[in-house]
Amino acid sequence: MRSRWRRIRANFRFLRKPTLEFLPILAGMTALVIWGGYAFWRLYPEEVHSFAEGLYLTYCLIFMEHLVDFPDHWLLRVFFVVLPPLGLAVILDGIVRFSYHILRRDETSAEWVHAMSHTMKNHVVLFGLGKLGLRVLQELVKLKELVVVVERDDHSPNIAYARQHGVPVRIATGREAGLLDELNVQKAKSLIMATDDDLINLEVAIDARKLKPELRVVMRMFDQELAAKVKESFGLHLAFSTSELAAPLFASASSDATILNSFYVGEQLMIVSRLNVSADGDLAGRSVADLRREYQTVVLDIKREEGSRFFPEVDEVVRAGDRLTVQCGPERLRRVQEANGMSPDER
């Protein structure tokens, strides 16, 4: 319902341009009707007894309805002849103008994205809809975030996903003047730069921070050293190097088959691993609290035949045959694996 109401508001903003263009024509036609009403009131006194009657008579002439006989005065005759075709032309112009604007609406156009963006507040602006950008967008949609996307390739197959979920997509390179204003960055809560061009990512991020200094910026960069310098020098919240993010996972996964993911928290490497609890090891019969206290290991999930327990209670007892998903440091993980009776070949 909120999305539908937002699109209704966006349509009103979208129609602002043709409305402003049509207003001078409408104002001229209104002035002509007022002039005609006054002329009929003064020059056709035998049947038009008030200015209001003159206005109504002139208004009806626009729709080719003649309420009085053909007048004798030359000016009134001009109104009789000119008003019907002129009124028809104005009416048709208005119908064609607004119909064309609505029916031929391009949802990747600057006007529509501008209209949609300005109905949003605390939204996320995402640059880039490649493989990484699509994954980011999918996660943002799951989190029910309001998102506006900028993509330079108008033939990108990922645009279909964005449209399917009602996400406006602006086709642009990122360097267009006034683009950030179109995206309503002043009211956005964060900017994600996920393009494959480090220079564009940095340039847009700096321009966005000029518009809104407190804006949260998350930026993808391929150069690890440059990412670290940018984060320190420009005060950006997060500048990620793809190689920096991937390296811990590649290294840890190559050394241990149980590892699902790994990442750094400050200087500490954290590992997410999945273990099958052995009946011959020391883990079976221990509680979740025991594992946390003795091995500094967080149990994220316990899978059993009867189902899965995500973030189990601290008094939950681990059984033989359970599949545990745990998070800890690499040294702690080795201790847990040894307690489970796993040999180096099984890791």
Protein backbone atom coordinates (compact mmCIF):
# COMPACT_ATOMS: atom_id res chain seq x y z
CA MET A 1 0.00 0.00 0.00
CA ARG A 2 2.85 2.38 0.84
CA SER A 3 4.48 1.64 -2.50
CA ARG A 4 1.22 2.29 -4.36
CA TRP A 5 0.71 5.58 -2.52
CA ARG A 6 4.31 6.56 -3.33
CA ARG A 7 3.73 5.90 -7.03
CA ILE A 8 0.57 8.02 -6.92
CA ARG A 9 2.53 10.88 -5.38
CA ALA A 10 5.28 10.37 -7.94
CA ASN A 11 2.75 10.57 -10.77
CA PHE A 12 1.53 13.92 -9.46
CA ARG A 13 5.12 15.19 -9.42
CA PHE A 14 5.70 13.65 -12.84
CA LEU A 15 2.74 15.60 -14.28
CA ARG A 16 4.07 18.89 -12.95
CA LYS A 17 6.08 19.61 -16.10
CA PRO A 18 3.22 19.22 -18.65
CA THR A 19 0.96 21.11 -16.25
CA LEU A 20 3.33 24.07 -16.13
CA GLU A 21 3.65 23.98 -19.90
CA PHE A 22 -0.14 23.92 -20.33
CA LEU A 23 -0.85 26.71 -17.84
CA PRO A 24 -0.07 29.65 -20.22
CA ILE A 25 -2.47 28.20 -22.81
CA LEU A 26 -5.12 27.66 -20.16
CA ALA A 27 -4.59 31.17 -18.79
CA GLY A 28 -4.98 32.68 -22.26
CA MET A 29 -8.17 30.73 -22.87
CA THR A 30 -9.53 31.81 -19.48
CA ALA A 31 -8.79 35.46 -20.27
CA LEU A 32 -10.57 35.07 -23.61
CA VAL A 33 -13.65 33.60 -21.90
CA ILE A 34 -13.72 36.48 -19.40
CA TRP A 35 -13.39 39.01 -22.22
CA GLY A 36 -16.12 37.26 -24.17
CA GLY A 37 -18.41 37.20 -21.12
CA TYR A 38 -17.98 40.93 -20.62
CA ALA A 39 -18.55 41.61 -24.33
CA PHE A 40 -21.80 39.59 -24.43
CA TRP A 41 -23.01 41.29 -21.26
CA ARG A 42 -22.43 44.79 -22.71
CA LEU A 43 -23.14 44.24 -26.42
CA TYR A 44 -25.99 41.71 -26.27
CA PRO A 45 -28.13 43.33 -23.56
CA GLU A 46 -31.52 42.13 -24.80
CA GLU A 47 -30.85 38.50 -23.76
CA VAL A 48 -27.74 38.62 -21.55
CA HIS A 49 -28.69 40.40 -18.34
CA SER A 50 -25.56 39.79 -16.22
CA PHE A 51 -21.86 39.22 -16.48
CA ALA A 52 -22.33 35.65 -15.16
CA GLU A 53 -24.73 34.90 -18.01
CA GLY A 54 -22.19 36.28 -20.45
CA LEU A 55 -19.49 34.01 -19.03
CA TYR A 56 -21.76 30.99 -19.28
CA LEU A 57 -22.69 31.82 -22.87
CA THR A 58 -19.02 32.21 -23.84
CA TYR A 59 -18.14 28.97 -22.08
CA CYS A 60 -20.84 27.10 -23.98
CA LEU A 61 -19.52 28.47 -27.27
CA ILE A 62 -16.26 26.61 -26.63
CA PHE A 63 -18.23 23.36 -26.87
CA MET A 64 -20.16 24.59 -29.98
CA GLU A 65 -23.37 25.12 -28.06
CA HIS A 66 -25.20 28.31 -29.18
CA LEU A 67 -27.65 29.52 -26.58
CA VAL A 68 -28.55 32.78 -28.37
CA ASP A 69 -29.09 33.83 -31.96
CA PHE A 70 -26.26 34.95 -34.19
CA PRO A 71 -25.43 38.51 -33.00
CA ASP A 72 -25.29 41.72 -35.04
CA HIS A 73 -22.17 43.22 -33.45
CA TRP A 74 -18.93 42.38 -35.28
CA LEU A 75 -17.00 41.54 -32.10
CA LEU A 76 -19.64 39.07 -30.93
CA ARG A 77 -19.64 37.50 -34.38
CA VAL A 78 -15.88 37.02 -34.05
CA PHE A 79 -16.46 35.19 -30.77
CA PHE A 80 -19.16 33.02 -32.39
CA VAL A 81 -16.77 32.00 -35.17
CA VAL A 82 -13.43 31.79 -33.34
CA LEU A 83 -14.26 30.29 -29.93
CA PRO A 84 -15.54 26.83 -31.01
CA PRO A 85 -12.46 25.76 -33.04
CA LEU A 86 -10.09 27.50 -30.64
CA GLY A 87 -11.67 25.78 -27.62
CA LEU A 88 -11.55 22.43 -29.41
CA ALA A 89 -7.86 22.94 -30.19
CA VAL A 90 -7.06 23.77 -26.54
CA ILE A 91 -9.00 20.76 -25.25
CA LEU A 92 -7.33 18.38 -27.70
CA ASP A 93 -3.91 19.85 -26.90
CA GLY A 94 -4.45 19.19 -23.20
CA ILE A 95 -5.67 15.63 -23.80
CA VAL A 96 -2.78 14.80 -26.13
CA ARG A 97 -0.17 16.48 -23.92
CA PHE A 98 -1.13 14.66 -20.70
CA SER A 99 -1.93 11.34 -22.38
CA TYR A 100 1.41 11.27 -24.16
CA HIS A 101 3.25 12.13 -20.96
CA ILE A 102 1.54 9.34 -19.03
CA LEU A 103 1.29 6.58 -21.65
CA ARG A 104 4.80 7.08 -23.03
CA ARG A 105 6.36 7.36 -19.59
CA ASP A 106 9.87 5.91 -19.39
CA GLU A 107 10.58 4.72 -15.86
CA THR A 108 14.32 5.11 -16.47
CA SER A 109 13.92 8.75 -17.54
CA ALA A 110 15.26 11.61 -15.46
CA GLU A 111 11.74 13.01 -14.91
CA TRP A 112 10.28 9.78 -13.50
CA VAL A 113 13.29 8.92 -11.30
CA HIS A 114 13.28 12.51 -10.04
CA ALA A 115 9.58 12.22 -9.20
CA MET A 116 10.00 8.86 -7.41
CA SER A 117 13.13 9.93 -5.52
CA HIS A 118 11.47 13.03 -4.15
CA THR A 119 8.71 10.93 -2.57
CA MET A 120 11.39 9.11 -0.54
CA LYS A 121 13.18 9.90 2.70
CA ASN A 122 15.99 7.96 4.40
CA HIS A 123 16.44 5.91 1.25
CA VAL A 124 19.54 4.21 -0.20
CA VAL A 125 21.13 5.39 -3.45
CA LEU A 126 22.88 2.53 -5.26
CA PHE A 127 25.27 3.15 -8.16
CA GLY A 128 25.94 0.12 -10.33
CA LEU A 129 23.68 -2.82 -11.14
CA GLY A 130 26.24 -5.39 -12.20
CA LYS A 131 26.78 -8.68 -10.37
CA LEU A 132 27.72 -7.00 -7.11
CA GLY A 133 25.07 -4.29 -7.47
CA LEU A 134 22.35 -6.86 -8.08
CA ARG A 135 23.33 -8.84 -4.97
CA VAL A 136 23.32 -5.63 -2.93
CA LEU A 137 19.91 -4.66 -4.32
CA GLN A 138 18.49 -8.10 -3.52
CA GLU A 139 19.62 -7.76 0.09
CA LEU A 140 18.23 -4.22 0.35
CA VAL A 141 14.88 -5.44 -0.99
CA LYS A 142 14.85 -8.21 1.63
CA LEU A 143 15.51 -5.55 4.28
CA LYS A 144 12.57 -3.55 2.87
CA GLU A 145 14.75 -0.51 2.24
CA LEU A 146 13.74 2.25 -0.15
CA VAL A 147 16.26 2.22 -3.00
CA VAL A 148 17.07 4.31 -6.07
CA VAL A 149 19.49 2.78 -8.59
CA VAL A 150 21.80 4.35 -11.17
CA GLU A 151 23.03 2.08 -13.97
CA ARG A 152 24.94 3.14 -17.09
CA ASP A 153 23.96 0.18 -19.29
CA ASP A 154 20.35 0.54 -20.44
CA HIS A 155 20.48 -3.07 -21.74
CA SER A 156 21.51 -4.58 -18.40
CA PRO A 157 19.39 -7.68 -17.69
CA ASN A 158 19.41 -6.80 -13.98
CA ILE A 159 17.16 -3.79 -14.59
CA ALA A 160 14.25 -6.24 -14.89
CA TYR A 161 14.72 -7.30 -11.25
CA ALA A 162 14.67 -3.68 -10.10
CA ARG A 163 11.49 -2.91 -12.05
CA GLN A 164 9.85 -6.09 -10.78
CA HIS A 165 10.31 -4.82 -7.22
CA GLY A 166 9.30 -1.23 -7.95
CA VAL A 167 12.83 0.19 -7.68
CA PRO A 168 13.38 3.25 -9.93
CA VAL A 169 16.44 2.97 -12.18
CA ARG A 170 18.14 6.01 -13.71
CA ILE A 171 20.26 5.34 -16.80
CA ALA A 172 23.35 7.49 -16.32
CA THR A 173 27.13 7.26 -16.07
CA GLY A 174 27.29 9.10 -12.74
CA ARG A 175 28.96 12.24 -14.05
CA GLU A 176 25.80 14.02 -15.26
CA ALA A 177 25.26 17.48 -13.78
CA GLY A 178 22.45 17.59 -11.25
CA LEU A 179 22.19 13.80 -11.03
CA LEU A 180 22.54 13.68 -7.24
CA ASP A 181 19.80 16.29 -6.89
CA GLU A 182 17.54 14.13 -9.05
CA LEU A 183 18.17 11.22 -6.69
CA ASN A 184 17.28 13.36 -3.66
CA VAL A 185 20.61 12.60 -2.00
CA GLN A 186 19.99 15.40 0.51
CA LYS A 187 17.35 13.21 2.16
CA ALA A 188 19.05 9.83 1.62
CA LYS A 189 20.59 7.95 4.52
CA SER A 190 23.33 6.17 2.59
CA LEU A 191 25.13 5.90 -0.74
CA ILE A 192 26.51 2.63 -2.10
CA MET A 193 29.06 2.88 -4.91
CA ALA A 194 29.23 -0.57 -6.54
CA THR A 195 30.43 0.24 -10.06
CA ASP A 196 33.62 -1.27 -11.51
CA ASP A 197 35.22 2.17 -11.98
CA ASP A 198 37.21 3.32 -8.93
CA LEU A 199 37.41 6.90 -10.23
CA ILE A 200 33.64 7.25 -10.68
CA ASN A 201 33.04 5.66 -7.28
CA LEU A 202 35.36 8.15 -5.62
CA GLU A 203 34.12 11.16 -7.60
CA VAL A 204 30.44 10.53 -6.90
CA ALA A 205 31.12 9.77 -3.23
CA ILE A 206 32.95 13.09 -2.74
CA ASP A 207 30.21 15.06 -4.55
CA ALA A 208 27.55 13.37 -2.43
CA ARG A 209 29.36 14.22 0.80
CA LYS A 210 29.49 17.86 -0.32
CA LEU A 211 25.70 17.86 -0.61
CA LYS A 212 25.20 16.01 2.68
CA PRO A 213 28.31 15.80 4.90
CA GLU A 214 26.73 13.27 7.30
CA LEU A 215 25.76 10.88 4.47
CA ARG A 216 26.92 7.30 5.05
CA VAL A 217 29.03 6.19 2.08
CA VAL A 218 29.92 2.56 1.31
CA MET A 219 32.27 2.27 -1.63
CA ARG A 220 33.71 -0.58 -3.66
CA MET A 221 37.31 -0.20 -4.80
CA PHE A 222 39.58 -2.67 -6.56
CA ASP A 223 42.80 -1.11 -5.28
CA GLN A 224 43.28 -2.19 -1.65
CA GLU A 225 45.82 0.51 -0.78
CA LEU A 226 43.73 3.22 -2.40
CA ALA A 227 40.66 2.02 -0.47
CA ALA A 228 42.50 2.40 2.85
CA LYS A 229 43.80 5.88 1.93
CA VAL A 230 40.39 7.04 0.72
CA LYS A 231 38.73 5.88 3.93
CA GLU A 232 41.22 7.82 6.05
CA SER A 233 41.62 10.93 3.89
CA PHE A 234 37.99 11.61 2.95
CA GLY A 235 36.27 10.43 6.11
CA LEU A 236 34.16 7.86 4.28
CA HIS A 237 32.48 5.31 6.50
CA LEU A 238 33.49 2.21 4.54
CA ALA A 239 35.69 1.74 1.49
CA PHE A 240 35.89 -1.93 0.54
CA SER A 241 38.46 -3.53 -1.70
CA THR A 242 37.00 -6.65 -3.32
CA SER A 243 40.35 -8.42 -3.09
CA GLU A 244 40.62 -7.50 0.59
CA LEU A 245 37.19 -8.95 1.27
CA ALA A 246 37.75 -12.11 -0.74
CA ALA A 247 41.29 -12.91 0.43
CA PRO A 248 40.41 -14.16 3.96
CA LEU A 249 37.68 -16.44 2.62
CA PHE A 250 39.88 -17.88 -0.13
CA ALA A 251 42.77 -18.50 2.23
CA SER A 252 40.73 -19.99 5.07
CA ALA A 253 38.48 -22.09 2.81
CA SER A 254 41.53 -23.59 1.09
CA SER A 255 42.90 -24.77 4.43
CA ASP A 256 39.67 -26.07 5.98
CA ALA A 257 36.70 -27.68 4.23
CA THR A 258 34.32 -26.86 7.10
CA ILE A 259 34.65 -23.08 6.66
CA LEU A 260 31.63 -21.28 5.19
CA ASN A 261 32.79 -17.68 5.49
CA SER A 262 35.45 -15.49 7.05
CA PHE A 263 35.89 -11.77 7.65
CA TYR A 264 37.86 -9.32 9.73
CA VAL A 265 36.48 -7.45 12.73
CA GLY A 266 39.20 -4.84 13.20
CA GLU A 267 42.40 -6.88 13.28
CA GLN A 268 40.69 -10.12 14.34
CA LEU A 269 39.87 -12.75 11.72
CA MET A 270 36.47 -14.34 12.39
CA ILE A 271 35.44 -17.64 10.82
CA VAL A 272 32.03 -19.21 10.29
CA SER A 273 32.28 -23.00 10.18
CA ARG A 274 29.88 -25.96 10.01
CA LEU A 275 30.65 -29.11 12.00
CA ASN A 276 29.01 -32.51 12.35
CA VAL A 277 29.03 -33.38 16.04
CA SER A 278 30.73 -36.74 16.57
CA ALA A 279 29.58 -39.28 19.17
CA ASP A 280 33.25 -39.97 19.96
CA GLY A 281 34.16 -36.36 20.70
CA ASP A 282 33.75 -34.10 23.72
CA LEU A 283 31.22 -31.70 22.17
CA ALA A 284 28.24 -34.03 22.52
CA GLY A 285 26.54 -33.43 25.85
CA ARG A 286 27.90 -29.88 26.19
CA SER A 287 25.57 -26.92 26.32
CA VAL A 288 25.77 -23.85 24.09
CA ALA A 289 26.92 -21.89 27.15
CA ASP A 290 29.74 -24.41 27.73
CA LEU A 291 31.05 -23.97 24.19
CA ARG A 292 30.98 -20.23 24.54
CA ARG A 293 32.72 -20.25 27.90
CA GLU A 294 35.38 -22.90 27.20
CA TYR A 295 36.15 -22.20 23.54
CA GLN A 296 34.94 -18.57 23.07
CA THR A 297 32.75 -19.91 20.28
CA VAL A 298 29.30 -18.61 19.33
CA VAL A 299 26.81 -21.23 18.15
CA LEU A 300 24.78 -19.67 15.36
CA ASP A 301 22.64 -22.66 14.40
CA ILE A 302 21.89 -26.27 15.35
CA LYS A 303 20.37 -28.53 12.70
CA ARG A 304 18.62 -31.76 13.71
CA GLU A 305 16.10 -34.11 12.19
CA GLU A 306 13.25 -32.27 13.90
CA GLY A 307 14.35 -28.90 12.54
CA SER A 308 16.80 -26.03 12.84
CA ARG A 309 17.45 -23.85 15.89
CA PHE A 310 18.89 -20.50 14.87
CA PHE A 311 20.65 -18.76 17.79
CA PRO A 312 19.75 -21.55 20.26
CA GLU A 313 19.22 -20.89 23.94
CA VAL A 314 22.34 -21.02 26.12
CA ASP A 315 21.06 -24.08 27.99
CA GLU A 316 20.51 -26.06 24.74
CA VAL A 317 22.53 -29.29 24.87
CA VAL A 318 24.48 -30.38 21.79
CA ARG A 319 23.78 -33.96 20.69
CA ALA A 320 25.74 -36.42 18.58
CA GLY A 321 24.69 -36.07 14.94
CA ASP A 322 23.87 -32.36 15.22
CA ARG A 323 25.20 -30.00 12.55
CA LEU A 324 26.59 -26.93 14.27
CA THR A 325 27.26 -23.59 12.61
CA VAL A 326 29.74 -21.76 14.80
CA GLN A 327 31.63 -18.48 14.71
CA CYS A 328 35.02 -17.93 16.29
CA GLY A 329 38.66 -17.18 15.59
CA PRO A 330 40.90 -19.67 13.70
CA GLU A 331 42.74 -20.89 16.81
CA ARG A 332 39.45 -21.41 18.67
CA LEU A 333 38.07 -23.31 15.69
CA ARG A 334 41.00 -25.76 15.81
CA ARG A 335 40.35 -26.39 19.49
CA VAL A 336 36.66 -27.04 18.80
CA GLN A 337 37.53 -29.44 15.96
CA GLU A 338 40.00 -31.30 18.19
CA ALA A 339 37.37 -31.54 20.94
CA ASN A 340 35.01 -32.98 18.33
CA GLY A 341 37.54 -35.72 17.54
CA MET A 342 38.35 -34.43 14.04
CA SER A 343 41.71 -35.34 12.56
CA PRO A 344 43.62 -32.89 10.35
CA ASP A 345 42.55 -34.88 7.28
CA GLU A 346 38.87 -34.29 8.11
CA ARG A 347 39.25 -30.52 8.28
